[in-house]
Amino acid sequence: MEEKTSFRVVFGDSPIIKVIDFFIDNREFDYSLTDIAKNADVGWSTIHQFWGDLVKLGIVTKTRRIGRAELYKLNLTSPLVKKLIDLDMSISKLMNNDIDQGLTVSA
């Protein structure tokens, strides 16, 4: 059984949350849509249902093209992305404090 990140414990396992969580955890690299779908455990057709929204909102940005594959990266200059990263860090800290104090967090 896979262990959920604190971000996914709070926001759930919808495909878009899985993709955003994947990018937050792997923000230093760029990925093809195939790699994103595979690593985020989201179906290829599912990712296409919301991918345009992530690009339009500026959450991800296209970095380059390798052959036919376009690569994307988390847009670290976006104010929205900065807030998502801050939120992820805050959630992680709070959940770690709860665990340190002996409280259990169930997914």
PDB file of N, CA and C in Angstrom:
ATOM      1  N   MET A   1       0.841  -1.196   0.000  1.00  0.00           N
ATOM      2  CA  MET A   1       0.000   0.000   0.000  1.00  0.00           C
ATOM      3  C   MET A   1       0.879   1.250   0.000  1.00  0.00           C
ATOM      4  N   GLU A   2       0.569   2.186  -0.859  1.00  0.00           N
ATOM      5  CA  GLU A   2       1.373   3.396  -0.954  1.00  0.00           C
ATOM      6  C   GLU A   2       1.048   4.339   0.203  1.00  0.00           C
ATOM      7  N   GLU A   3       2.076   5.022   0.664  1.00  0.00           N
ATOM      8  CA  GLU A   3       1.878   5.989   1.742  1.00  0.00           C
ATOM      9  C   GLU A   3       1.539   7.333   1.113  1.00  0.00           C
ATOM     10  N   LYS A   4       0.478   7.950   1.600  1.00  0.00           N
ATOM     11  CA  LYS A   4       0.043   9.227   1.047  1.00  0.00           C
ATOM     12  C   LYS A   4       0.869  10.366   1.622  1.00  0.00           C
ATOM     13  N   THR A   5       1.084  11.369   0.786  1.00  0.00           N
ATOM     14  CA  THR A   5       1.717  12.589   1.275  1.00  0.00           C
ATOM     15  C   THR A   5       0.694  13.343   2.123  1.00  0.00           C
ATOM     16  N   SER A   6       1.175  14.232   2.947  1.00  0.00           N
ATOM     17  CA  SER A   6       0.262  15.022   3.781  1.00  0.00           C
ATOM     18  C   SER A   6      -0.674  15.861   2.910  1.00  0.00           C
ATOM     19  N   PHE A   7      -0.203  16.320   1.769  1.00  0.00           N
ATOM     20  CA  PHE A   7      -1.025  17.102   0.843  1.00  0.00           C
ATOM     21  C   PHE A   7      -2.221  16.272   0.388  1.00  0.00           C
ATOM     22  N   ARG A   8      -1.984  15.002   0.038  1.00  0.00           N
ATOM     23  CA  ARG A   8      -3.059  14.130  -0.422  1.00  0.00           C
ATOM     24  C   ARG A   8      -3.954  13.666   0.715  1.00  0.00           C
ATOM     25  N   VAL A   9      -3.417  13.558   1.916  1.00  0.00           N
ATOM     26  CA  VAL A   9      -4.261  13.214   3.061  1.00  0.00           C
ATOM     27  C   VAL A   9      -5.314  14.305   3.252  1.00  0.00           C
ATOM     28  N   VAL A  10      -4.899  15.557   3.113  1.00  0.00           N
ATOM     29  CA  VAL A  10      -5.807  16.687   3.317  1.00  0.00           C
ATOM     30  C   VAL A  10      -6.743  16.901   2.123  1.00  0.00           C
ATOM     31  N   PHE A  11      -6.212  16.842   0.899  1.00  0.00           N
ATOM     32  CA  PHE A  11      -6.998  17.222  -0.277  1.00  0.00           C
ATOM     33  C   PHE A  11      -7.576  16.053  -1.071  1.00  0.00           C
ATOM     34  N   GLY A  12      -7.198  14.849  -0.738  1.00  0.00           N
ATOM     35  CA  GLY A  12      -7.780  13.682  -1.392  1.00  0.00           C
ATOM     36  C   GLY A  12      -6.931  13.148  -2.522  1.00  0.00           C
ATOM     37  N   ASP A  13      -7.495  12.163  -3.204  1.00  0.00           N
ATOM     38  CA  ASP A  13      -6.760  11.454  -4.251  1.00  0.00           C
ATOM     39  C   ASP A  13      -7.332  11.673  -5.645  1.00  0.00           C
ATOM     40  N   SER A  14      -7.940  12.815  -5.867  1.00  0.00           N
ATOM     41  CA  SER A  14      -8.433  13.078  -7.215  1.00  0.00           C
ATOM     42  C   SER A  14      -7.229  13.183  -8.154  1.00  0.00           C
ATOM     43  N   PRO A  15      -7.411  12.886  -9.417  1.00  0.00           N
ATOM     44  CA  PRO A  15      -6.281  12.921 -10.352  1.00  0.00           C
ATOM     45  C   PRO A  15      -5.545  14.266 -10.377  1.00  0.00           C
ATOM     46  N   ILE A  16      -6.269  15.372 -10.341  1.00  0.00           N
ATOM     47  CA  ILE A  16      -5.597  16.673 -10.394  1.00  0.00           C
ATOM     48  C   ILE A  16      -4.753  16.910  -9.139  1.00  0.00           C
ATOM     49  N   ILE A  17      -5.227  16.458  -7.989  1.00  0.00           N
ATOM     50  CA  ILE A  17      -4.453  16.588  -6.752  1.00  0.00           C
ATOM     51  C   ILE A  17      -3.200  15.727  -6.828  1.00  0.00           C
ATOM     52  N   LYS A  18      -3.324  14.525  -7.378  1.00  0.00           N
ATOM     53  CA  LYS A  18      -2.159  13.651  -7.536  1.00  0.00           C
ATOM     54  C   LYS A  18      -1.091  14.303  -8.416  1.00  0.00           C
ATOM     55  N   VAL A  19      -1.528  14.943  -9.494  1.00  0.00           N
ATOM     56  CA  VAL A  19      -0.583  15.592 -10.413  1.00  0.00           C
ATOM     57  C   VAL A  19       0.075  16.801  -9.743  1.00  0.00           C
ATOM     58  N   ILE A  20      -0.706  17.639  -9.089  1.00  0.00           N
ATOM     59  CA  ILE A  20      -0.140  18.808  -8.410  1.00  0.00           C
ATOM     60  C   ILE A  20       0.825  18.359  -7.318  1.00  0.00           C
ATOM     61  N   ASP A  21       0.451  17.348  -6.555  1.00  0.00           N
ATOM     62  CA  ASP A  21       1.315  16.818  -5.509  1.00  0.00           C
ATOM     63  C   ASP A  21       2.619  16.275  -6.101  1.00  0.00           C
ATOM     64  N   PHE A  22       2.518  15.559  -7.219  1.00  0.00           N
ATOM     65  CA  PHE A  22       3.711  15.050  -7.895  1.00  0.00           C
ATOM     66  C   PHE A  22       4.650  16.195  -8.266  1.00  0.00           C
ATOM     67  N   PHE A  23       4.090  17.257  -8.832  1.00  0.00           N
ATOM     68  CA  PHE A  23       4.919  18.389  -9.233  1.00  0.00           C
ATOM     69  C   PHE A  23       5.524  19.118  -8.032  1.00  0.00           C
ATOM     70  N   ILE A  24       4.775  19.266  -6.964  1.00  0.00           N
ATOM     71  CA  ILE A  24       5.318  19.930  -5.775  1.00  0.00           C
ATOM     72  C   ILE A  24       6.510  19.141  -5.232  1.00  0.00           C
ATOM     73  N   ASP A  25       6.389  17.831  -5.223  1.00  0.00           N
ATOM     74  CA  ASP A  25       7.472  16.980  -4.718  1.00  0.00           C
ATOM     75  C   ASP A  25       8.637  16.853  -5.684  1.00  0.00           C
ATOM     76  N   ASN A  26       8.423  17.167  -6.954  1.00  0.00           N
ATOM     77  CA  ASN A  26       9.464  17.005  -7.983  1.00  0.00           C
ATOM     78  C   ASN A  26       9.621  18.281  -8.802  1.00  0.00           C
ATOM     79  N   ARG A  27       9.642  19.397  -8.120  1.00  0.00           N
ATOM     80  CA  ARG A  27       9.579  20.684  -8.817  1.00  0.00           C
ATOM     81  C   ARG A  27      10.858  21.085  -9.536  1.00  0.00           C
ATOM     82  N   GLU A  28      11.967  20.397  -9.285  1.00  0.00           N
ATOM     83  CA  GLU A  28      13.207  20.826  -9.931  1.00  0.00           C
ATOM     84  C   GLU A  28      13.394  20.258 -11.339  1.00  0.00           C
ATOM     85  N   PHE A  29      12.520  19.338 -11.755  1.00  0.00           N
ATOM     86  CA  PHE A  29      12.684  18.694 -13.061  1.00  0.00           C
ATOM     87  C   PHE A  29      11.479  18.941 -13.966  1.00  0.00           C
ATOM     88  N   ASP A  30      11.679  18.692 -15.265  1.00  0.00           N
ATOM     89  CA  ASP A  30      10.566  18.754 -16.201  1.00  0.00           C
ATOM     90  C   ASP A  30      10.253  17.345 -16.695  1.00  0.00           C
ATOM     91  N   TYR A  31       8.991  17.143 -17.100  1.00  0.00           N
ATOM     92  CA  TYR A  31       8.504  15.810 -17.430  1.00  0.00           C
ATOM     93  C   TYR A  31       7.580  15.858 -18.631  1.00  0.00           C
ATOM     94  N   SER A  32       7.541  14.744 -19.357  1.00  0.00           N
ATOM     95  CA  SER A  32       6.560  14.584 -20.432  1.00  0.00           C
ATOM     96  C   SER A  32       5.220  14.209 -19.801  1.00  0.00           C
ATOM     97  N   LEU A  33       4.154  14.377 -20.549  1.00  0.00           N
ATOM     98  CA  LEU A  33       2.833  13.991 -20.046  1.00  0.00           C
ATOM     99  C   LEU A  33       2.777  12.504 -19.708  1.00  0.00           C
ATOM    100  N   THR A  34       3.464  11.691 -20.483  1.00  0.00           N
ATOM    101  CA  THR A  34       3.503  10.254 -20.208  1.00  0.00           C
ATOM    102  C   THR A  34       4.148   9.995 -18.848  1.00  0.00           C
ATOM    103  N   ASP A  35       5.270  10.647 -18.579  1.00  0.00           N
ATOM    104  CA  ASP A  35       5.953  10.473 -17.291  1.00  0.00           C
ATOM    105  C   ASP A  35       5.123  11.018 -16.136  1.00  0.00           C
ATOM    106  N   ILE A  36       4.454  12.133 -16.360  1.00  0.00           N
ATOM    107  CA  ILE A  36       3.607  12.721 -15.312  1.00  0.00           C
ATOM    108  C   ILE A  36       2.474  11.762 -14.966  1.00  0.00           C
ATOM    109  N   ALA A  37       1.791  11.257 -15.989  1.00  0.00           N
ATOM    110  CA  ALA A  37       0.683  10.327 -15.761  1.00  0.00           C
ATOM    111  C   ALA A  37       1.165   9.090 -15.012  1.00  0.00           C
ATOM    112  N   LYS A  38       2.279   8.549 -15.437  1.00  0.00           N
ATOM    113  CA  LYS A  38       2.816   7.334 -14.807  1.00  0.00           C
ATOM    114  C   LYS A  38       3.215   7.588 -13.355  1.00  0.00           C
ATOM    115  N   ASN A  39       3.977   8.630 -13.113  1.00  0.00           N
ATOM    116  CA  ASN A  39       4.490   8.911 -11.772  1.00  0.00           C
ATOM    117  C   ASN A  39       3.427   9.403 -10.797  1.00  0.00           C
ATOM    118  N   ALA A  40       2.395  10.045 -11.325  1.00  0.00           N
ATOM    119  CA  ALA A  40       1.301  10.522 -10.471  1.00  0.00           C
ATOM    120  C   ALA A  40       0.204   9.462 -10.332  1.00  0.00           C
ATOM    121  N   ASP A  41       0.370   8.355 -11.035  1.00  0.00           N
ATOM    122  CA  ASP A  41      -0.615   7.260 -11.022  1.00  0.00           C
ATOM    123  C   ASP A  41      -1.988   7.746 -11.501  1.00  0.00           C
ATOM    124  N   VAL A  42      -1.960   8.413 -12.656  1.00  0.00           N
ATOM    125  CA  VAL A  42      -3.167   8.959 -13.275  1.00  0.00           C
ATOM    126  C   VAL A  42      -3.220   8.445 -14.708  1.00  0.00           C
ATOM    127  N   GLY A  43      -4.384   8.067 -15.167  1.00  0.00           N
ATOM    128  CA  GLY A  43      -4.534   7.567 -16.526  1.00  0.00           C
ATOM    129  C   GLY A  43      -4.245   8.636 -17.577  1.00  0.00           C
ATOM    130  N   TRP A  44      -3.745   8.169 -18.727  1.00  0.00           N
ATOM    131  CA  TRP A  44      -3.397   9.063 -19.830  1.00  0.00           C
ATOM    132  C   TRP A  44      -4.595   9.892 -20.284  1.00  0.00           C
ATOM    133  N   SER A  45      -5.740   9.263 -20.470  1.00  0.00           N
ATOM    134  CA  SER A  45      -6.920  10.008 -20.921  1.00  0.00           C
ATOM    135  C   SER A  45      -7.437  10.934 -19.820  1.00  0.00           C
ATOM    136  N   THR A  46      -7.270  10.535 -18.573  1.00  0.00           N
ATOM    137  CA  THR A  46      -7.720  11.367 -17.447  1.00  0.00           C
ATOM    138  C   THR A  46      -6.910  12.648 -17.364  1.00  0.00           C
ATOM    139  N   ILE A  47      -5.606  12.547 -17.513  1.00  0.00           N
ATOM    140  CA  ILE A  47      -4.749  13.738 -17.398  1.00  0.00           C
ATOM    141  C   ILE A  47      -5.103  14.772 -18.476  1.00  0.00           C
ATOM    142  N   HIS A  48      -5.519  14.291 -19.642  1.00  0.00           N
ATOM    143  CA  HIS A  48      -5.886  15.218 -20.716  1.00  0.00           C
ATOM    144  C   HIS A  48      -7.179  15.982 -20.427  1.00  0.00           C
ATOM    145  N   GLN A  49      -7.998  15.478 -19.521  1.00  0.00           N
ATOM    146  CA  GLN A  49      -9.244  16.162 -19.182  1.00  0.00           C
ATOM    147  C   GLN A  49      -8.987  17.485 -18.453  1.00  0.00           C
ATOM    148  N   PHE A  50      -7.897  17.582 -17.698  1.00  0.00           N
ATOM    149  CA  PHE A  50      -7.649  18.799 -16.923  1.00  0.00           C
ATOM    150  C   PHE A  50      -6.306  19.459 -17.231  1.00  0.00           C
ATOM    151  N   TRP A  51      -5.497  18.855 -18.085  1.00  0.00           N
ATOM    152  CA  TRP A  51      -4.157  19.392 -18.330  1.00  0.00           C
ATOM    153  C   TRP A  51      -4.195  20.829 -18.853  1.00  0.00           C
ATOM    154  N   GLY A  52      -5.096  21.110 -19.761  1.00  0.00           N
ATOM    155  CA  GLY A  52      -5.205  22.466 -20.308  1.00  0.00           C
ATOM    156  C   GLY A  52      -5.485  23.498 -19.227  1.00  0.00           C
ATOM    157  N   ASP A  53      -6.260  23.114 -18.220  1.00  0.00           N
ATOM    158  CA  ASP A  53      -6.544  24.031 -17.106  1.00  0.00           C
ATOM    159  C   ASP A  53      -5.285  24.335 -16.300  1.00  0.00           C
ATOM    160  N   LEU A  54      -4.453  23.316 -16.056  1.00  0.00           N
ATOM    161  CA  LEU A  54      -3.211  23.543 -15.307  1.00  0.00           C
ATOM    162  C   LEU A  54      -2.277  24.489 -16.059  1.00  0.00           C
ATOM    163  N   VAL A  55      -2.254  24.350 -17.369  1.00  0.00           N
ATOM    164  CA  VAL A  55      -1.418  25.241 -18.196  1.00  0.00           C
ATOM    165  C   VAL A  55      -2.004  26.648 -18.193  1.00  0.00           C
ATOM    166  N   LYS A  56      -3.322  26.767 -18.412  1.00  0.00           N
ATOM    167  CA  LYS A  56      -3.986  28.085 -18.441  1.00  0.00           C
ATOM    168  C   LYS A  56      -3.838  28.834 -17.122  1.00  0.00           C
ATOM    169  N   LEU A  57      -3.930  28.104 -16.011  1.00  0.00           N
ATOM    170  CA  LEU A  57      -3.795  28.723 -14.691  1.00  0.00           C
ATOM    171  C   LEU A  57      -2.347  29.080 -14.362  1.00  0.00           C
ATOM    172  N   GLY A  58      -1.422  28.632 -15.191  1.00  0.00           N
ATOM    173  CA  GLY A  58      -0.013  28.930 -14.958  1.00  0.00           C
ATOM    174  C   GLY A  58       0.619  28.061 -13.881  1.00  0.00           C
ATOM    175  N   ILE A  59      -0.032  26.947 -13.536  1.00  0.00           N
ATOM    176  CA  ILE A  59       0.531  26.051 -12.520  1.00  0.00           C
ATOM    177  C   ILE A  59       1.714  25.289 -13.105  1.00  0.00           C
ATOM    178  N   VAL A  60       1.598  24.899 -14.367  1.00  0.00           N
ATOM    179  CA  VAL A  60       2.713  24.255 -15.067  1.00  0.00           C
ATOM    180  C   VAL A  60       3.032  25.064 -16.311  1.00  0.00           C
ATOM    181  N   THR A  61       4.249  24.908 -16.757  1.00  0.00           N
ATOM    182  CA  THR A  61       4.677  25.615 -17.952  1.00  0.00           C
ATOM    183  C   THR A  61       5.509  24.678 -18.819  1.00  0.00           C
ATOM    184  N   LYS A  62       5.375  24.835 -20.129  1.00  0.00           N
ATOM    185  CA  LYS A  62       6.155  24.012 -21.055  1.00  0.00           C
ATOM    186  C   LYS A  62       7.596  24.511 -21.048  1.00  0.00           C
ATOM    187  N   THR A  63       8.528  23.572 -20.927  1.00  0.00           N
ATOM    188  CA  THR A  63       9.941  23.949 -20.854  1.00  0.00           C
ATOM    189  C   THR A  63      10.683  23.703 -22.159  1.00  0.00           C
ATOM    190  N   ARG A  64      10.375  22.573 -22.804  1.00  0.00           N
ATOM    191  CA  ARG A  64      11.104  22.226 -24.025  1.00  0.00           C
ATOM    192  C   ARG A  64      10.388  21.084 -24.729  1.00  0.00           C
ATOM    193  N   ARG A  65      10.966  20.728 -25.874  1.00  0.00           N
ATOM    194  CA  ARG A  65      10.425  19.630 -26.659  1.00  0.00           C
ATOM    195  C   ARG A  65      11.574  18.670 -26.960  1.00  0.00           C
ATOM    196  N   ILE A  66      11.321  17.383 -26.747  1.00  0.00           N
ATOM    197  CA  ILE A  66      12.299  16.361 -27.117  1.00  0.00           C
ATOM    198  C   ILE A  66      11.587  15.421 -28.077  1.00  0.00           C
ATOM    199  N   GLY A  67      11.966  15.485 -29.331  1.00  0.00           N
ATOM    200  CA  GLY A  67      11.261  14.714 -30.355  1.00  0.00           C
ATOM    201  C   GLY A  67       9.824  15.205 -30.431  1.00  0.00           C
ATOM    202  N   ARG A  68       8.885  14.290 -30.259  1.00  0.00           N
ATOM    203  CA  ARG A  68       7.470  14.663 -30.274  1.00  0.00           C
ATOM    204  C   ARG A  68       6.943  15.013 -28.900  1.00  0.00           C
ATOM    205  N   ALA A  69       7.726  14.742 -27.859  1.00  0.00           N
ATOM    206  CA  ALA A  69       7.258  14.954 -26.484  1.00  0.00           C
ATOM    207  C   ALA A  69       7.525  16.388 -26.010  1.00  0.00           C
ATOM    208  N   GLU A  70       6.485  16.996 -25.452  1.00  0.00           N
ATOM    209  CA  GLU A  70       6.635  18.301 -24.809  1.00  0.00           C
ATOM    210  C   GLU A  70       6.852  18.050 -23.326  1.00  0.00           C
ATOM    211  N   LEU A  71       7.788  18.789 -22.733  1.00  0.00           N
ATOM    212  CA  LEU A  71       8.084  18.625 -21.313  1.00  0.00           C
ATOM    213  C   LEU A  71       7.570  19.819 -20.534  1.00  0.00           C
ATOM    214  N   TYR A  72       7.101  19.538 -19.332  1.00  0.00           N
ATOM    215  CA  TYR A  72       6.490  20.546 -18.474  1.00  0.00           C
ATOM    216  C   TYR A  72       7.125  20.520 -17.098  1.00  0.00           C
ATOM    217  N   LYS A  73       7.043  21.669 -16.451  1.00  0.00           N
ATOM    218  CA  LYS A  73       7.615  21.839 -15.125  1.00  0.00           C
ATOM    219  C   LYS A  73       6.657  22.696 -14.294  1.00  0.00           C
ATOM    220  N   LEU A  74       6.730  22.536 -12.991  1.00  0.00           N
ATOM    221  CA  LEU A  74       5.959  23.403 -12.103  1.00  0.00           C
ATOM    222  C   LEU A  74       6.432  24.836 -12.301  1.00  0.00           C
ATOM    223  N   ASN A  75       5.498  25.763 -12.432  1.00  0.00           N
ATOM    224  CA  ASN A  75       5.833  27.169 -12.684  1.00  0.00           C
ATOM    225  C   ASN A  75       6.129  27.868 -11.351  1.00  0.00           C
ATOM    226  N   LEU A  76       7.388  27.855 -10.960  1.00  0.00           N
ATOM    227  CA  LEU A  76       7.788  28.383  -9.655  1.00  0.00           C
ATOM    228  C   LEU A  76       7.673  29.897  -9.544  1.00  0.00           C
ATOM    229  N   THR A  77       7.423  30.581 -10.656  1.00  0.00           N
ATOM    230  CA  THR A  77       7.250  32.037 -10.601  1.00  0.00           C
ATOM    231  C   THR A  77       5.794  32.434 -10.376  1.00  0.00           C
ATOM    232  N   SER A  78       4.891  31.475 -10.468  1.00  0.00           N
ATOM    233  CA  SER A  78       3.463  31.750 -10.300  1.00  0.00           C
ATOM    234  C   SER A  78       3.116  31.991  -8.830  1.00  0.00           C
ATOM    235  N   PRO A  79       2.406  33.097  -8.530  1.00  0.00           N
ATOM    236  CA  PRO A  79       1.972  33.333  -7.150  1.00  0.00           C
ATOM    237  C   PRO A  79       1.098  32.194  -6.609  1.00  0.00           C
ATOM    238  N   LEU A  80       0.278  31.603  -7.470  1.00  0.00           N
ATOM    239  CA  LEU A  80      -0.568  30.487  -7.069  1.00  0.00           C
ATOM    240  C   LEU A  80       0.286  29.279  -6.666  1.00  0.00           C
ATOM    241  N   VAL A  81       1.291  28.978  -7.456  1.00  0.00           N
ATOM    242  CA  VAL A  81       2.183  27.848  -7.148  1.00  0.00           C
ATOM    243  C   VAL A  81       2.948  28.110  -5.857  1.00  0.00           C
ATOM    244  N   LYS A  82       3.405  29.338  -5.676  1.00  0.00           N
ATOM    245  CA  LYS A  82       4.112  29.674  -4.429  1.00  0.00           C
ATOM    246  C   LYS A  82       3.221  29.413  -3.219  1.00  0.00           C
ATOM    247  N   LYS A  83       1.943  29.767  -3.326  1.00  0.00           N
ATOM    248  CA  LYS A  83       0.995  29.525  -2.226  1.00  0.00           C
ATOM    249  C   LYS A  83       0.767  28.030  -2.023  1.00  0.00           C
ATOM    250  N   LEU A  84       0.669  27.269  -3.119  1.00  0.00           N
ATOM    251  CA  LEU A  84       0.492  25.822  -3.002  1.00  0.00           C
ATOM    252  C   LEU A  84       1.699  25.177  -2.299  1.00  0.00           C
ATOM    253  N   ILE A  85       2.889  25.625  -2.632  1.00  0.00           N
ATOM    254  CA  ILE A  85       4.099  25.095  -1.986  1.00  0.00           C
ATOM    255  C   ILE A  85       4.108  25.469  -0.504  1.00  0.00           C
ATOM    256  N   ASP A  86       3.771  26.719  -0.200  1.00  0.00           N
ATOM    257  CA  ASP A  86       3.690  27.147   1.205  1.00  0.00           C
ATOM    258  C   ASP A  86       2.657  26.330   1.969  1.00  0.00           C
ATOM    259  N   LEU A  87       1.506  26.101   1.344  1.00  0.00           N
ATOM    260  CA  LEU A  87       0.448  25.316   1.969  1.00  0.00           C
ATOM    261  C   LEU A  87       0.918  23.883   2.216  1.00  0.00           C
ATOM    262  N   ASP A  88       1.577  23.293   1.238  1.00  0.00           N
ATOM    263  CA  ASP A  88       2.109  21.945   1.392  1.00  0.00           C
ATOM    264  C   ASP A  88       3.097  21.872   2.558  1.00  0.00           C
ATOM    265  N   MET A  89       3.973  22.852   2.658  1.00  0.00           N
ATOM    266  CA  MET A  89       4.953  22.877   3.748  1.00  0.00           C
ATOM    267  C   MET A  89       4.260  23.047   5.102  1.00  0.00           C
ATOM    268  N   SER A  90       3.265  23.906   5.164  1.00  0.00           N
ATOM    269  CA  SER A  90       2.533  24.126   6.416  1.00  0.00           C
ATOM    270  C   SER A  90       1.785  22.863   6.850  1.00  0.00           C
ATOM    271  N   ILE A  91       1.144  22.208   5.908  1.00  0.00           N
ATOM    272  CA  ILE A  91       0.419  20.970   6.219  1.00  0.00           C
ATOM    273  C   ILE A  91       1.392  19.915   6.739  1.00  0.00           C
ATOM    274  N   SER A  92       2.523  19.787   6.075  1.00  0.00           N
ATOM    275  CA  SER A  92       3.520  18.794   6.490  1.00  0.00           C
ATOM    276  C   SER A  92       4.017  19.072   7.904  1.00  0.00           C
ATOM    277  N   LYS A  93       4.303  20.333   8.190  1.00  0.00           N
ATOM    278  CA  LYS A  93       4.777  20.694   9.535  1.00  0.00           C
ATOM    279  C   LYS A  93       3.725  20.389  10.595  1.00  0.00           C
ATOM    280  N   LEU A  94       2.482  20.776  10.314  1.00  0.00           N
ATOM    281  CA  LEU A  94       1.407  20.520  11.272  1.00  0.00           C
ATOM    282  C   LEU A  94       1.204  19.027  11.508  1.00  0.00           C
ATOM    283  N   MET A  95       1.224  18.264  10.435  1.00  0.00           N
ATOM    284  CA  MET A  95       1.020  16.828  10.578  1.00  0.00           C
ATOM    285  C   MET A  95       2.197  16.166  11.291  1.00  0.00           C
ATOM    286  N   ASN A  96       3.400  16.639  11.028  1.00  0.00           N
ATOM    287  CA  ASN A  96       4.562  16.098  11.734  1.00  0.00           C
ATOM    288  C   ASN A  96       4.496  16.434  13.218  1.00  0.00           C
ATOM    289  N   ASN A  97       4.030  17.636  13.555  1.00  0.00           N
ATOM    290  CA  ASN A  97       3.870  18.008  14.966  1.00  0.00           C
ATOM    291  C   ASN A  97       2.838  17.122  15.642  1.00  0.00           C
ATOM    292  N   ASP A  98       1.738  16.826  14.931  1.00  0.00           N
ATOM    293  CA  ASP A  98       0.715  15.939  15.485  1.00  0.00           C
ATOM    294  C   ASP A  98       1.288  14.557  15.753  1.00  0.00           C
ATOM    295  N   ILE A  99       2.090  14.050  14.813  1.00  0.00           N
ATOM    296  CA  ILE A  99       2.694  12.726  14.982  1.00  0.00           C
ATOM    297  C   ILE A  99       3.688  12.756  16.145  1.00  0.00           C
ATOM    298  N   ASP A 100       4.485  13.836  16.237  1.00  0.00           N
ATOM    299  CA  ASP A 100       5.462  13.966  17.334  1.00  0.00           C
ATOM    300  C   ASP A 100       4.762  14.004  18.693  1.00  0.00           C
ATOM    301  N   GLN A 101       3.542  14.524  18.716  1.00  0.00           N
ATOM    302  CA  GLN A 101       2.804  14.626  19.980  1.00  0.00           C
ATOM    303  C   GLN A 101       1.972  13.364  20.261  1.00  0.00           C
ATOM    304  N   GLY A 102       2.145  12.354  19.411  1.00  0.00           N
ATOM    305  CA  GLY A 102       1.469  11.094  19.655  1.00  0.00           C
ATOM    306  C   GLY A 102       0.078  10.991  19.060  1.00  0.00           C
ATOM    307  N   LEU A 103      -0.343  11.979  18.290  1.00  0.00           N
ATOM    308  CA  LEU A 103      -1.653  11.903  17.643  1.00  0.00           C
ATOM    309  C   LEU A 103      -1.509  11.094  16.357  1.00  0.00           C
ATOM    310  N   THR A 104      -2.506  10.371  15.985  1.00  0.00           N
ATOM    311  CA  THR A 104      -2.442   9.585  14.773  1.00  0.00           C
ATOM    312  C   THR A 104      -3.187  10.291  13.654  1.00  0.00           C
ATOM    313  N   VAL A 105      -2.656  10.165  12.465  1.00  0.00           N
ATOM    314  CA  VAL A 105      -3.275  10.736  11.287  1.00  0.00           C
ATOM    315  C   VAL A 105      -3.628   9.573  10.376  1.00  0.00           C
ATOM    316  N   SER A 106      -4.898   9.400  10.099  1.00  0.00           N
ATOM    317  CA  SER A 106      -5.299   8.288   9.226  1.00  0.00           C
ATOM    318  C   SER A 106      -5.680   8.831   7.853  1.00  0.00           C
ATOM    319  N   ALA A 107      -5.341   8.042   6.873  1.00  0.00           N
ATOM    320  CA  ALA A 107      -5.644   8.435   5.500  1.00  0.00           C
ATOM    321  C   ALA A 107      -6.959   7.855   5.063  1.00  0.00           C
TER     322      ALA A 107
END
